[in-house]
Every structure is written in structure tokens, then in C-alpha cells.
Amino acid sequence: MSYCRCFETIERPMFHIIETTPEPSKVADVRKPSGTRIIMNVARSFNNWRKFRQTITELGRMSARELQDLGIDRVDIRSVARASVAR
């Protein structure tokens, strides 16, 4: 009687699991941000907020015709400003 060999089990493992522990200094970096990193995050957030506000102000000062030339509706100003920060 013949049978299909594709259903035979493979005795050797298909992959190996390697357990490693990270260095203690790297764990500390991930879990607790340093003072410099916190300051940089605050500065980045502040700059993003300024860019957002500046974009809203500049687009808000434009006439409906100027906004139409840019392909922006007045109701889309906030989403355009959000997209400018995301870049």
C-alpha cells in the first residue's frame, strides 16, 4: 500500500528560540527617559504647536479666492495645519 510522504513528521526543529536578556543600561533607557530626552520631547511638541498655529493664522488671513486657488476650503484649514505638522 502506498501513502503520501507529505504528512510525515519532521524530527528536527524548524526554528530555534534564542533567549537573551538585554544589557541593564539599555533597559533603563527604555523604561525611564532621561532629562535630555524629556526636554527634547517638550521642545518638539512646542515647535509643532507653533507651526500648527502659524499655518492656521496664515491660511485664515487669506481670502476665499486665494484659498480656492490653493484648492483649500475654509473648513479644511485645521486639517491642512495638522497635516503640515505631521510632515
C-alpha atoms as a PDB file:
ATOM      1  CA  MET A   1       0.000   0.000   0.000  1.00  0.00           C
ATOM      2  CA  SER A   2       1.394   3.407  -0.907  1.00  0.00           C
ATOM      3  CA  TYR A   3       0.927   6.552   1.097  1.00  0.00           C
ATOM      4  CA  CYS A   4       1.777  10.232   0.760  1.00  0.00           C
ATOM      5  CA  ARG A   5       5.078  11.224   2.350  1.00  0.00           C
ATOM      6  CA  CYS A   6       3.989  14.860   2.750  1.00  0.00           C
ATOM      7  CA  PHE A   7       2.208  14.005   6.014  1.00  0.00           C
ATOM      8  CA  GLU A   8       5.283  12.554   7.697  1.00  0.00           C
ATOM      9  CA  THR A   9       6.519  14.488  10.705  1.00  0.00           C
ATOM     10  CA  ILE A  10       9.889  16.134  10.691  1.00  0.00           C
ATOM     11  CA  GLU A  11      12.066  15.171  13.636  1.00  0.00           C
ATOM     12  CA  ARG A  12      14.342  18.224  13.610  1.00  0.00           C
ATOM     13  CA  PRO A  13      13.096  21.621  14.788  1.00  0.00           C
ATOM     14  CA  MET A  14      12.117  24.144  12.150  1.00  0.00           C
ATOM     15  CA  PHE A  15      13.429  27.113  14.138  1.00  0.00           C
ATOM     16  CA  HIS A  16      15.369  27.843  17.285  1.00  0.00           C
ATOM     17  CA  ILE A  17      14.233  30.131  20.056  1.00  0.00           C
ATOM     18  CA  ILE A  18      17.078  32.212  21.396  1.00  0.00           C
ATOM     19  CA  GLU A  19      16.534  33.751  24.780  1.00  0.00           C
ATOM     20  CA  THR A  20      18.676  36.753  25.503  1.00  0.00           C
ATOM     21  CA  THR A  21      18.473  39.370  28.179  1.00  0.00           C
ATOM     22  CA  PRO A  22      19.291  42.960  27.256  1.00  0.00           C
ATOM     23  CA  GLU A  23      22.034  44.842  28.995  1.00  0.00           C
ATOM     24  CA  PRO A  24      20.818  46.619  32.146  1.00  0.00           C
ATOM     25  CA  SER A  25      21.810  50.040  30.771  1.00  0.00           C
ATOM     26  CA  LYS A  26      19.578  49.571  27.711  1.00  0.00           C
ATOM     27  CA  VAL A  27      16.609  48.524  29.837  1.00  0.00           C
ATOM     28  CA  ALA A  28      16.970  51.701  31.897  1.00  0.00           C
ATOM     29  CA  ASP A  29      16.943  53.813  28.699  1.00  0.00           C
ATOM     30  CA  VAL A  30      13.700  52.264  27.504  1.00  0.00           C
ATOM     31  CA  ARG A  31      11.796  52.409  30.772  1.00  0.00           C
ATOM     32  CA  LYS A  32      12.848  55.814  32.100  1.00  0.00           C
ATOM     33  CA  PRO A  33      13.506  58.684  29.699  1.00  0.00           C
ATOM     34  CA  SER A  34      16.462  60.842  30.566  1.00  0.00           C
ATOM     35  CA  GLY A  35      16.117  64.539  31.354  1.00  0.00           C
ATOM     36  CA  THR A  36      17.507  65.494  27.960  1.00  0.00           C
ATOM     37  CA  ARG A  37      15.017  63.269  26.172  1.00  0.00           C
ATOM     38  CA  ILE A  38      12.109  64.796  28.117  1.00  0.00           C
ATOM     39  CA  ILE A  39      13.271  68.328  27.284  1.00  0.00           C
ATOM     40  CA  MET A  40      13.633  67.418  23.602  1.00  0.00           C
ATOM     41  CA  ASN A  41      10.097  65.981  23.548  1.00  0.00           C
ATOM     42  CA  VAL A  42       8.690  69.140  25.148  1.00  0.00           C
ATOM     43  CA  ALA A  43      10.616  71.339  22.694  1.00  0.00           C
ATOM     44  CA  ARG A  44       9.424  69.254  19.718  1.00  0.00           C
ATOM     45  CA  SER A  45       5.819  69.438  20.916  1.00  0.00           C
ATOM     46  CA  PHE A  46       6.048  73.200  21.385  1.00  0.00           C
ATOM     47  CA  ASN A  47       7.536  73.689  17.907  1.00  0.00           C
ATOM     48  CA  ASN A  48       4.818  71.504  16.382  1.00  0.00           C
ATOM     49  CA  TRP A  49       2.149  73.567  18.153  1.00  0.00           C
ATOM     50  CA  ARG A  50       3.731  76.825  16.895  1.00  0.00           C
ATOM     51  CA  LYS A  51       3.850  75.501  13.331  1.00  0.00           C
ATOM     52  CA  PHE A  52       0.187  74.420  13.621  1.00  0.00           C
ATOM     53  CA  ARG A  53      -0.912  77.840  14.935  1.00  0.00           C
ATOM     54  CA  GLN A  54       1.154  79.712  12.327  1.00  0.00           C
ATOM     55  CA  THR A  55      -0.392  77.698   9.494  1.00  0.00           C
ATOM     56  CA  ILE A  56      -3.917  78.346  10.808  1.00  0.00           C
ATOM     57  CA  THR A  57      -3.184  82.075  11.150  1.00  0.00           C
ATOM     58  CA  GLU A  58      -1.717  82.426   7.666  1.00  0.00           C
ATOM     59  CA  LEU A  59      -4.469  80.466   5.954  1.00  0.00           C
ATOM     60  CA  GLY A  60      -7.134  82.247   7.993  1.00  0.00           C
ATOM     61  CA  ARG A  61      -5.921  85.632   6.714  1.00  0.00           C
ATOM     62  CA  MET A  62      -6.360  84.568   3.088  1.00  0.00           C
ATOM     63  CA  SER A  63      -9.463  85.439   1.144  1.00  0.00           C
ATOM     64  CA  ALA A  64     -11.855  82.778  -0.102  1.00  0.00           C
ATOM     65  CA  ARG A  65     -10.483  83.308  -3.622  1.00  0.00           C
ATOM     66  CA  GLU A  66      -6.873  82.741  -2.515  1.00  0.00           C
ATOM     67  CA  LEU A  67      -7.851  79.589  -0.628  1.00  0.00           C
ATOM     68  CA  GLN A  68      -9.791  78.379  -3.664  1.00  0.00           C
ATOM     69  CA  ASP A  69      -6.679  78.903  -5.816  1.00  0.00           C
ATOM     70  CA  LEU A  70      -4.783  76.637  -3.409  1.00  0.00           C
ATOM     71  CA  GLY A  71      -7.581  74.070  -3.505  1.00  0.00           C
ATOM     72  CA  ILE A  72      -8.474  74.536   0.161  1.00  0.00           C
ATOM     73  CA  ASP A  73     -11.894  75.249   1.640  1.00  0.00           C
ATOM     74  CA  ARG A  74     -12.101  77.391   4.742  1.00  0.00           C
ATOM     75  CA  VAL A  75     -13.413  74.415   6.740  1.00  0.00           C
ATOM     76  CA  ASP A  76     -10.283  72.424   5.789  1.00  0.00           C
ATOM     77  CA  ILE A  77      -7.795  74.868   7.335  1.00  0.00           C
ATOM     78  CA  ARG A  78      -7.390  72.884  10.587  1.00  0.00           C
ATOM     79  CA  SER A  79      -6.814  69.591   8.761  1.00  0.00           C
ATOM     80  CA  VAL A  80      -4.267  71.248   6.458  1.00  0.00           C
ATOM     81  CA  ALA A  81      -2.499  72.679   9.521  1.00  0.00           C
ATOM     82  CA  ARG A  82      -2.488  69.234  11.167  1.00  0.00           C
ATOM     83  CA  ALA A  83      -1.000  67.721   8.036  1.00  0.00           C
ATOM     84  CA  SER A  84       1.727  70.385   7.959  1.00  0.00           C
ATOM     85  CA  VAL A  85       2.817  69.373  11.461  1.00  0.00           C
ATOM     86  CA  ALA A  86       2.786  65.664  10.599  1.00  0.00           C
ATOM     87  CA  ARG A  87       5.436  66.111   7.891  1.00  0.00           C
END
